[in-house]
Amino acid sequence: MIPPIGMAIAAMTVMLWIIWSDILRTRRRMPVLYALRIALFLIVSGIMVLNLVRYPNYFSGGARIFAMLVVLVGVAGAIHFGRKLVLRH
């Protein structure tokens, strides 16, 4: 089983990679991909919040802060892709 900090590190790595790869691309993606990314980011953030609430004893001080940072990046990423979806030309 993956420890909670391992799941948080994996989620952070994937989310930052998706945001980074999107920023580097000049060509616009299909709207469906933006919607899927928004859903992915919100689902991962929700799972991290659920784990923080349901299993608070699994997270030490540093792991809890990192998990909250993952939630923050997930919500910010969803907002980023939501803006790109709405502001498409």
Protein backbone atom coordinates (compact mmCIF):
# COMPACT_ATOMS: atom_id res chain seq x y z
CA MET A 1 0.00 0.00 0.00
CA ILE A 2 1.25 3.48 -0.83
CA PRO A 3 1.67 5.72 2.20
CA PRO A 4 -0.31 8.97 2.12
CA ILE A 5 2.79 11.10 1.51
CA GLY A 6 3.68 8.87 -1.45
CA MET A 7 0.25 9.38 -2.95
CA ALA A 8 0.54 13.14 -2.37
CA ILE A 9 3.96 13.28 -4.04
CA ALA A 10 2.73 11.25 -7.00
CA ALA A 11 -0.37 13.44 -7.40
CA MET A 12 1.69 16.63 -7.17
CA THR A 13 4.18 15.37 -9.74
CA VAL A 14 1.50 14.43 -12.26
CA MET A 15 -0.53 17.62 -11.78
CA LEU A 16 2.49 19.90 -12.12
CA TRP A 17 3.65 17.97 -15.20
CA ILE A 18 0.22 18.38 -16.84
CA ILE A 19 0.17 22.12 -16.09
CA TRP A 20 3.77 22.54 -17.30
CA SER A 21 3.15 20.65 -20.54
CA ASP A 22 0.03 22.73 -21.20
CA ILE A 23 1.88 26.01 -20.66
CA LEU A 24 4.59 24.99 -23.13
CA ARG A 25 2.13 24.18 -25.92
CA THR A 26 1.11 27.02 -28.19
CA ARG A 27 -1.54 25.02 -30.00
CA ARG A 28 -4.94 24.89 -28.32
CA ARG A 29 -6.35 21.57 -27.19
CA MET A 30 -9.83 20.23 -27.72
CA PRO A 31 -12.37 21.44 -25.14
CA VAL A 32 -13.07 17.86 -24.04
CA LEU A 33 -9.46 17.49 -22.85
CA TYR A 34 -9.73 20.65 -20.77
CA ALA A 35 -12.95 19.33 -19.21
CA LEU A 36 -11.24 16.00 -18.43
CA ARG A 37 -8.29 17.79 -16.85
CA ILE A 38 -10.62 19.91 -14.72
CA ALA A 39 -12.40 16.75 -13.56
CA LEU A 40 -9.10 14.98 -12.88
CA PHE A 41 -7.72 17.83 -10.80
CA LEU A 42 -10.92 18.21 -8.79
CA ILE A 43 -11.21 14.45 -8.20
CA VAL A 44 -7.61 14.18 -6.99
CA SER A 45 -8.12 17.19 -4.71
CA GLY A 46 -11.31 15.64 -3.36
CA ILE A 47 -9.58 12.34 -2.66
CA MET A 48 -6.80 14.11 -0.79
CA VAL A 49 -9.32 16.06 1.30
CA LEU A 50 -11.25 12.86 1.98
CA ASN A 51 -8.07 11.11 3.11
CA LEU A 52 -7.12 14.07 5.32
CA VAL A 53 -10.55 14.01 6.99
CA ARG A 54 -11.09 10.26 7.15
CA TYR A 55 -7.56 9.21 8.16
CA PRO A 56 -5.97 12.16 9.99
CA ASN A 57 -3.65 9.87 11.99
CA TYR A 58 -1.94 8.68 8.76
CA PHE A 59 -0.56 12.15 8.10
CA SER A 60 2.30 13.58 10.15
CA GLY A 61 2.76 17.35 10.33
CA GLY A 62 4.83 17.63 7.16
CA ALA A 63 2.71 15.14 5.25
CA ARG A 64 -0.47 17.01 6.21
CA ILE A 65 0.97 20.32 4.96
CA PHE A 66 2.12 18.69 1.71
CA ALA A 67 -1.30 17.10 1.21
CA MET A 68 -2.94 20.51 1.69
CA LEU A 69 -0.50 21.91 -0.86
CA VAL A 70 -1.57 19.17 -3.28
CA VAL A 71 -5.21 20.19 -2.77
CA LEU A 72 -4.28 23.82 -3.42
CA VAL A 73 -2.41 22.93 -6.63
CA GLY A 74 -5.35 20.77 -7.73
CA VAL A 75 -7.87 23.57 -7.27
CA ALA A 76 -5.54 26.11 -8.92
CA GLY A 77 -4.99 23.73 -11.83
CA ALA A 78 -8.73 23.24 -12.25
CA ILE A 79 -9.18 27.02 -12.30
CA HIS A 80 -6.33 27.33 -14.84
CA PHE A 81 -7.90 24.81 -17.20
CA GLY A 82 -11.38 26.21 -16.58
CA ARG A 83 -10.21 29.63 -17.70
CA LYS A 84 -8.62 28.10 -20.79
CA LEU A 85 -11.86 26.28 -21.55
CA VAL A 86 -14.00 29.40 -21.17
CA LEU A 87 -11.60 31.80 -22.91
CA ARG A 88 -11.13 29.68 -26.04
CA HIS A 89 -11.24 31.63 -29.29
